[in-house]
Amino acid sequence: MSKLLFTGIVLWDPELRITATADNRHGNVDYTPYEGMTFHGGPASVYVRGNLVYRDGEVGGERGSGRFVERSFRAANVEVKV
């Protein structure tokens, strides 16, 4: 059970409809290539290490509370045959 304290959990709302705008994206730019597109289904709430960090379109996590997890762009154990 203690491992669950370090996981992230997303509560998905399949009925949620979101129309993308630059204002409702959480990026560091003032535009989105998805402007005006409507998406069906999305995250209602997100918990990271037991803390609520996102609910109903609002980011609420404490600034600096994230943790970088280094990843490779290379797929592990995947063979490509041509």
N, C-alpha and C. Protein backbone atom coordinates (compact mmCIF):
# COMPACT_ATOMS: atom_id res chain seq x y z
N MET A 1 0.81 -1.20 0.00
CA MET A 1 0.00 0.00 0.00
C MET A 1 0.86 1.27 0.00
N SER A 2 2.03 1.23 0.61
CA SER A 2 2.85 2.44 0.70
C SER A 2 3.32 2.92 -0.67
N LYS A 3 3.45 2.01 -1.64
CA LYS A 3 3.85 2.42 -2.99
C LYS A 3 2.81 3.33 -3.62
N LEU A 4 1.55 3.21 -3.22
CA LEU A 4 0.50 4.06 -3.78
C LEU A 4 0.71 5.52 -3.42
N LEU A 5 1.42 5.80 -2.35
CA LEU A 5 1.67 7.17 -1.96
C LEU A 5 2.54 7.91 -2.96
N PHE A 6 3.26 7.18 -3.80
CA PHE A 6 4.18 7.80 -4.74
C PHE A 6 3.67 7.75 -6.18
N THR A 7 2.44 7.37 -6.36
CA THR A 7 1.90 7.25 -7.71
C THR A 7 1.05 8.46 -8.06
N GLY A 8 0.72 8.54 -9.33
CA GLY A 8 -0.22 9.54 -9.80
C GLY A 8 -1.52 8.85 -10.17
N ILE A 9 -2.63 9.50 -9.91
CA ILE A 9 -3.93 8.93 -10.23
C ILE A 9 -4.72 9.99 -10.99
N VAL A 10 -5.29 9.58 -12.12
CA VAL A 10 -6.13 10.47 -12.92
C VAL A 10 -7.55 9.94 -12.88
N LEU A 11 -8.49 10.79 -12.49
CA LEU A 11 -9.91 10.44 -12.54
C LEU A 11 -10.45 10.99 -13.85
N TRP A 12 -10.87 10.11 -14.75
CA TRP A 12 -11.26 10.46 -16.11
C TRP A 12 -12.76 10.64 -16.20
N ASP A 13 -13.18 11.72 -16.85
CA ASP A 13 -14.60 11.98 -17.08
C ASP A 13 -14.88 11.80 -18.57
N PRO A 14 -15.49 10.69 -18.97
CA PRO A 14 -15.72 10.44 -20.39
C PRO A 14 -16.76 11.38 -21.00
N GLU A 15 -17.54 12.07 -20.17
CA GLU A 15 -18.57 12.99 -20.66
C GLU A 15 -18.06 14.43 -20.80
N LEU A 16 -16.87 14.71 -20.30
CA LEU A 16 -16.32 16.05 -20.33
C LEU A 16 -16.08 16.50 -21.76
N ARG A 17 -16.45 17.73 -22.08
CA ARG A 17 -16.18 18.32 -23.39
C ARG A 17 -15.40 19.61 -23.17
N ILE A 18 -14.27 19.71 -23.85
CA ILE A 18 -13.40 20.87 -23.70
C ILE A 18 -13.09 21.43 -25.09
N THR A 19 -13.29 22.72 -25.27
CA THR A 19 -12.89 23.39 -26.49
C THR A 19 -11.58 24.10 -26.20
N ALA A 20 -10.54 23.75 -26.94
CA ALA A 20 -9.20 24.29 -26.68
C ALA A 20 -9.08 25.74 -27.12
N THR A 21 -8.51 26.54 -26.24
CA THR A 21 -8.14 27.92 -26.56
C THR A 21 -6.76 28.17 -25.95
N ALA A 22 -6.10 29.21 -26.40
CA ALA A 22 -4.79 29.53 -25.83
C ALA A 22 -4.92 29.84 -24.34
N ASP A 23 -6.06 30.41 -23.94
CA ASP A 23 -6.26 30.78 -22.53
C ASP A 23 -6.45 29.58 -21.61
N ASN A 24 -7.03 28.48 -22.13
CA ASN A 24 -7.27 27.34 -21.22
C ASN A 24 -6.23 26.24 -21.36
N ARG A 25 -5.16 26.47 -22.09
CA ARG A 25 -4.03 25.54 -22.14
C ARG A 25 -3.05 25.96 -21.06
N HIS A 26 -2.32 25.02 -20.53
CA HIS A 26 -1.40 25.31 -19.43
C HIS A 26 0.04 25.28 -19.89
N GLY A 27 0.28 25.79 -21.08
CA GLY A 27 1.64 25.82 -21.62
C GLY A 27 2.30 27.18 -21.39
N ASN A 28 3.50 27.30 -21.89
CA ASN A 28 4.27 28.52 -21.70
C ASN A 28 4.31 29.34 -22.99
N VAL A 29 3.26 29.20 -23.82
CA VAL A 29 3.17 29.96 -25.07
C VAL A 29 1.77 30.57 -25.16
N ASP A 30 1.61 31.52 -26.07
CA ASP A 30 0.33 32.22 -26.16
C ASP A 30 -0.54 31.74 -27.32
N TYR A 31 -0.32 30.51 -27.76
CA TYR A 31 -1.13 29.94 -28.84
C TYR A 31 -1.24 28.44 -28.66
N THR A 32 -2.17 27.82 -29.38
CA THR A 32 -2.25 26.37 -29.44
C THR A 32 -2.67 25.97 -30.85
N PRO A 33 -2.05 24.96 -31.41
CA PRO A 33 -2.48 24.50 -32.74
C PRO A 33 -3.86 23.85 -32.69
N TYR A 34 -4.38 23.63 -31.49
CA TYR A 34 -5.68 22.99 -31.31
C TYR A 34 -6.80 24.02 -31.09
N GLU A 35 -6.50 25.29 -31.30
CA GLU A 35 -7.47 26.37 -31.07
C GLU A 35 -8.81 26.05 -31.73
N GLY A 36 -9.88 26.08 -30.92
CA GLY A 36 -11.22 25.87 -31.42
C GLY A 36 -11.66 24.42 -31.54
N MET A 37 -10.74 23.47 -31.39
CA MET A 37 -11.11 22.05 -31.47
C MET A 37 -11.79 21.63 -30.17
N THR A 38 -12.82 20.81 -30.28
CA THR A 38 -13.51 20.30 -29.10
C THR A 38 -13.09 18.86 -28.86
N PHE A 39 -12.72 18.57 -27.63
CA PHE A 39 -12.27 17.24 -27.24
C PHE A 39 -13.34 16.61 -26.34
N HIS A 40 -13.54 15.32 -26.50
CA HIS A 40 -14.54 14.58 -25.74
C HIS A 40 -13.83 13.66 -24.76
N GLY A 41 -14.11 13.83 -23.49
CA GLY A 41 -13.45 13.07 -22.44
C GLY A 41 -12.19 13.79 -22.00
N GLY A 42 -11.93 13.76 -20.72
CA GLY A 42 -10.73 14.41 -20.20
C GLY A 42 -10.58 14.20 -18.71
N PRO A 43 -9.48 14.68 -18.17
CA PRO A 43 -9.24 14.48 -16.74
C PRO A 43 -10.13 15.40 -15.90
N ALA A 44 -10.80 14.82 -14.92
CA ALA A 44 -11.61 15.60 -13.98
C ALA A 44 -10.73 16.03 -12.81
N SER A 45 -9.89 15.11 -12.33
CA SER A 45 -8.98 15.38 -11.21
C SER A 45 -7.70 14.59 -11.41
N VAL A 46 -6.60 15.15 -10.90
CA VAL A 46 -5.30 14.46 -10.96
C VAL A 46 -4.66 14.58 -9.58
N TYR A 47 -4.22 13.44 -9.08
CA TYR A 47 -3.50 13.39 -7.80
C TYR A 47 -2.08 12.91 -8.05
N VAL A 48 -1.11 13.58 -7.44
CA VAL A 48 0.29 13.18 -7.53
C VAL A 48 0.82 13.00 -6.12
N ARG A 49 1.32 11.81 -5.85
CA ARG A 49 1.83 11.47 -4.52
C ARG A 49 0.82 11.84 -3.43
N GLY A 50 -0.46 11.58 -3.71
CA GLY A 50 -1.51 11.81 -2.73
C GLY A 50 -2.04 13.23 -2.67
N ASN A 51 -1.48 14.14 -3.45
CA ASN A 51 -1.91 15.54 -3.42
C ASN A 51 -2.72 15.89 -4.66
N LEU A 52 -3.85 16.58 -4.47
CA LEU A 52 -4.66 17.04 -5.59
C LEU A 52 -3.91 18.15 -6.30
N VAL A 53 -3.62 17.97 -7.60
CA VAL A 53 -2.87 18.96 -8.36
C VAL A 53 -3.66 19.53 -9.54
N TYR A 54 -4.82 18.94 -9.84
CA TYR A 54 -5.64 19.42 -10.95
C TYR A 54 -7.08 19.03 -10.71
N ARG A 55 -7.98 19.99 -10.88
CA ARG A 55 -9.42 19.69 -10.76
C ARG A 55 -10.21 20.69 -11.60
N ASP A 56 -11.12 20.15 -12.41
CA ASP A 56 -12.04 20.98 -13.19
C ASP A 56 -11.33 22.07 -14.00
N GLY A 57 -10.22 21.72 -14.63
CA GLY A 57 -9.52 22.66 -15.50
C GLY A 57 -8.54 23.58 -14.82
N GLU A 58 -8.41 23.49 -13.53
CA GLU A 58 -7.51 24.37 -12.78
C GLU A 58 -6.35 23.59 -12.18
N VAL A 59 -5.14 24.07 -12.42
CA VAL A 59 -3.95 23.48 -11.82
C VAL A 59 -3.83 24.03 -10.41
N GLY A 60 -3.68 23.14 -9.45
CA GLY A 60 -3.64 23.58 -8.06
C GLY A 60 -2.45 23.06 -7.30
N GLY A 61 -1.53 22.43 -7.97
CA GLY A 61 -0.35 21.91 -7.28
C GLY A 61 0.56 23.02 -6.81
N GLU A 62 1.30 22.75 -5.78
CA GLU A 62 2.23 23.73 -5.25
C GLU A 62 3.42 23.87 -6.20
N ARG A 63 3.74 25.09 -6.59
CA ARG A 63 4.84 25.34 -7.52
C ARG A 63 6.13 24.73 -6.97
N GLY A 64 6.82 23.98 -7.83
CA GLY A 64 8.07 23.35 -7.42
C GLY A 64 7.90 21.98 -6.79
N SER A 65 6.66 21.50 -6.70
CA SER A 65 6.43 20.21 -6.06
C SER A 65 6.61 19.04 -7.02
N GLY A 66 6.77 19.34 -8.30
CA GLY A 66 6.97 18.27 -9.28
C GLY A 66 8.35 17.65 -9.17
N ARG A 67 8.51 16.55 -9.85
CA ARG A 67 9.80 15.87 -9.84
C ARG A 67 10.10 15.41 -11.26
N PHE A 68 11.26 15.77 -11.78
CA PHE A 68 11.66 15.37 -13.12
C PHE A 68 12.06 13.90 -13.13
N VAL A 69 11.49 13.16 -14.06
CA VAL A 69 11.84 11.75 -14.23
C VAL A 69 12.43 11.62 -15.62
N GLU A 70 13.72 11.39 -15.68
CA GLU A 70 14.40 11.32 -16.97
C GLU A 70 13.96 10.08 -17.73
N ARG A 71 13.68 10.26 -19.01
CA ARG A 71 13.26 9.19 -19.88
C ARG A 71 14.02 9.27 -21.18
N SER A 72 14.14 8.15 -21.85
CA SER A 72 14.78 8.09 -23.15
C SER A 72 13.71 8.12 -24.23
N PHE A 73 14.05 8.68 -25.37
CA PHE A 73 13.12 8.67 -26.50
C PHE A 73 13.15 7.31 -27.20
N ARG A 74 14.07 6.49 -26.84
CA ARG A 74 14.23 5.19 -27.46
C ARG A 74 13.33 4.17 -26.78
N ALA A 75 12.56 3.45 -27.57
CA ALA A 75 11.69 2.41 -27.01
C ALA A 75 12.55 1.24 -26.54
N ALA A 76 12.27 0.76 -25.36
CA ALA A 76 13.04 -0.35 -24.79
C ALA A 76 12.53 -1.68 -25.34
N ASN A 77 13.44 -2.56 -25.70
CA ASN A 77 13.12 -3.93 -26.11
C ASN A 77 12.14 -4.01 -27.27
N VAL A 78 12.27 -3.13 -28.23
CA VAL A 78 11.40 -3.16 -29.39
C VAL A 78 12.27 -3.39 -30.63
N GLU A 79 11.94 -4.43 -31.37
CA GLU A 79 12.67 -4.72 -32.58
C GLU A 79 11.87 -4.23 -33.78
N VAL A 80 12.54 -3.57 -34.70
CA VAL A 80 11.88 -3.10 -35.92
C VAL A 80 12.44 -3.92 -37.06
N LYS A 81 11.55 -4.63 -37.76
CA LYS A 81 11.96 -5.44 -38.90
C LYS A 81 11.39 -4.80 -40.16
N VAL A 82 12.26 -4.64 -41.14
CA VAL A 82 11.85 -4.01 -42.39
C VAL A 82 11.78 -5.05 -43.48
